[in-house]
C-alpha atoms as a PDB file:
ATOM      1  CA  MET A   1     149.173 228.189 -26.503  1.00  0.00           C
ATOM      2  CA  ALA A   2     145.898 229.883 -25.775  1.00  0.00           C
ATOM      3  CA  ASN A   3     142.599 228.921 -27.366  1.00  0.00           C
ATOM      4  CA  LYS A   4     140.637 231.552 -29.259  1.00  0.00           C
ATOM      5  CA  PRO A   5     137.176 231.925 -27.760  1.00  0.00           C
ATOM      6  CA  ASP A   6     134.386 232.056 -30.328  1.00  0.00           C
ATOM      7  CA  ASP A   7     133.024 235.309 -28.922  1.00  0.00           C
ATOM      8  CA  ILE A   8     136.129 237.409 -29.733  1.00  0.00           C
ATOM      9  CA  PRO A   9     135.328 240.057 -32.352  1.00  0.00           C
ATOM     10  CA  GLU A  10     137.178 239.646 -35.647  1.00  0.00           C
ATOM     11  CA  SER A  11     139.106 242.894 -35.064  1.00  0.00           C
ATOM     12  CA  ALA A  12     140.329 241.919 -31.576  1.00  0.00           C
ATOM     13  CA  LEU A  13     143.785 240.664 -30.708  1.00  0.00           C
ATOM     14  CA  ALA A  14     144.200 237.048 -29.641  1.00  0.00           C
ATOM     15  CA  ILE A  15     147.012 235.732 -27.436  1.00  0.00           C
ATOM     16  CA  VAL A  16     149.072 233.081 -29.233  1.00  0.00           C
ATOM     17  CA  ALA A  17     151.866 232.805 -26.662  1.00  0.00           C
ATOM     18  CA  SER A  18     152.556 233.710 -23.053  1.00  0.00           C
ATOM     19  CA  CYS A  19     156.265 233.998 -22.269  1.00  0.00           C
ATOM     20  CA  ALA A  20     158.487 234.423 -19.234  1.00  0.00           C
ATOM     21  CA  SER A  21     160.496 237.258 -20.791  1.00  0.00           C
ATOM     22  CA  SER A  22     160.321 239.911 -23.476  1.00  0.00           C
ATOM     23  CA  VAL A  23     163.296 238.268 -25.203  1.00  0.00           C
ATOM     24  CA  GLU A  24     161.384 234.994 -25.640  1.00  0.00           C
ATOM     25  CA  ALA A  25     158.299 236.905 -26.813  1.00  0.00           C
ATOM     26  CA  ALA A  26     160.376 238.878 -29.340  1.00  0.00           C
ATOM     27  CA  PHE A  27     161.712 235.623 -30.776  1.00  0.00           C
ATOM     28  CA  ILE A  28     158.165 234.313 -31.263  1.00  0.00           C
ATOM     29  CA  ARG A  29     157.010 237.618 -32.770  1.00  0.00           C
ATOM     30  CA  SER A  30     159.939 237.504 -35.231  1.00  0.00           C
ATOM     31  CA  ARG A  31     159.000 233.966 -36.248  1.00  0.00           C
ATOM     32  CA  LEU A  32     155.403 234.977 -36.891  1.00  0.00           C
ATOM     33  CA  GLU A  33     156.396 238.099 -38.831  1.00  0.00           C
ATOM     34  CA  ALA A  34     158.797 236.027 -40.952  1.00  0.00           C
ATOM     35  CA  ALA A  35     155.766 233.907 -41.869  1.00  0.00           C
ATOM     36  CA  GLY A  36     153.862 237.055 -42.882  1.00  0.00           C
ATOM     37  CA  ILE A  37     151.704 237.296 -39.749  1.00  0.00           C
ATOM     38  CA  PRO A  38     151.772 240.701 -38.014  1.00  0.00           C
ATOM     39  CA  ALA A  39     152.221 240.296 -34.259  1.00  0.00           C
ATOM     40  CA  CYS A  40     152.652 242.555 -31.254  1.00  0.00           C
ATOM     41  CA  ILE A  41     153.864 242.385 -27.674  1.00  0.00           C
ATOM     42  CA  PRO A  42     151.733 244.787 -25.596  1.00  0.00           C
ATOM     43  CA  GLU A  43     153.981 244.431 -22.536  1.00  0.00           C
ATOM     44  CA  GLU A  44     157.180 244.988 -24.526  1.00  0.00           C
ATOM     45  CA  TYR A  45     158.000 248.328 -22.915  1.00  0.00           C
ATOM     46  CA  THR A  46     156.556 247.562 -19.502  1.00  0.00           C
ATOM     47  CA  PRO A  47     159.329 247.090 -16.952  1.00  0.00           C
ATOM     48  CA  GLN A  48     159.594 243.602 -15.571  1.00  0.00           C
ATOM     49  CA  ILE A  49     160.040 244.237 -11.872  1.00  0.00           C
ATOM     50  CA  LEU A  50     161.373 240.793 -10.969  1.00  0.00           C
ATOM     51  CA  TRP A  51     163.684 240.376 -14.012  1.00  0.00           C
ATOM     52  CA  CYS A  52     166.769 239.892 -11.828  1.00  0.00           C
ATOM     53  CA  LEU A  53     165.230 236.849 -10.134  1.00  0.00           C
ATOM     54  CA  GLY A  54     164.662 234.974 -13.383  1.00  0.00           C
ATOM     55  CA  PRO A  55     161.343 233.922 -14.923  1.00  0.00           C
ATOM     56  CA  SER A  56     158.401 234.977 -12.802  1.00  0.00           C
ATOM     57  CA  PRO A  57     155.018 233.252 -12.893  1.00  0.00           C
ATOM     58  CA  ILE A  58     153.290 236.555 -12.103  1.00  0.00           C
ATOM     59  CA  GLU A  59     154.966 238.634 -14.814  1.00  0.00           C
ATOM     60  CA  ARG A  60     154.058 237.192 -18.196  1.00  0.00           C
ATOM     61  CA  VAL A  61     154.677 238.739 -21.597  1.00  0.00           C
ATOM     62  CA  THR A  62     152.154 237.924 -24.322  1.00  0.00           C
ATOM     63  CA  VAL A  63     152.430 237.724 -28.082  1.00  0.00           C
ATOM     64  CA  ARG A  64     149.202 238.697 -29.846  1.00  0.00           C
ATOM     65  CA  VAL A  65     147.876 238.584 -33.390  1.00  0.00           C
ATOM     66  CA  ASP A  66     144.664 239.702 -35.085  1.00  0.00           C
ATOM     67  CA  SER A  67     141.915 237.164 -34.478  1.00  0.00           C
ATOM     68  CA  LYS A  68     141.709 236.485 -38.213  1.00  0.00           C
ATOM     69  CA  ASP A  69     145.373 235.358 -38.125  1.00  0.00           C
ATOM     70  CA  TYR A  70     145.026 233.224 -34.982  1.00  0.00           C
ATOM     71  CA  GLN A  71     144.746 229.850 -36.727  1.00  0.00           C
ATOM     72  CA  ALA A  72     147.682 230.532 -39.060  1.00  0.00           C
ATOM     73  CA  ALA A  73     149.814 231.758 -36.144  1.00  0.00           C
ATOM     74  CA  THR A  74     149.161 228.662 -34.050  1.00  0.00           C
ATOM     75  CA  GLU A  75     150.031 226.494 -37.052  1.00  0.00           C
ATOM     76  CA  VAL A  76     153.355 228.317 -37.546  1.00  0.00           C
ATOM     77  CA  LEU A  77     154.214 227.982 -33.867  1.00  0.00           C
ATOM     78  CA  SER A  78     153.221 224.312 -33.747  1.00  0.00           C
ATOM     79  CA  GLU A  79     155.480 223.636 -36.756  1.00  0.00           C
ATOM     80  CA  ASP A  80     158.358 225.136 -34.766  1.00  0.00           C
ATOM     81  CA  ALA A  81     157.576 222.805 -31.859  1.00  0.00           C
ATOM     82  CA  GLN A  82     157.929 219.682 -34.011  1.00  0.00           C
ATOM     83  CA  PRO A  83     161.268 217.832 -33.555  1.00  0.00           C
END
């Protein structure tokens, strides 16, 4: 998970997850939206050139939320990570 820098304006989007595929990012976005936190995937419709080779370290897909929702989003995602 990414840390929210203090100098991000309140209206900016903050990255809460960086994923290897748009499928993984969509799952995370669905989890956040189910918790009432609007989320977006800016790279959702960008073609992943190396998709046939599997996860690529150079082609990441991010899940973003409004900065004001950053703390709540990281809490939701950390709850999911608990065994």
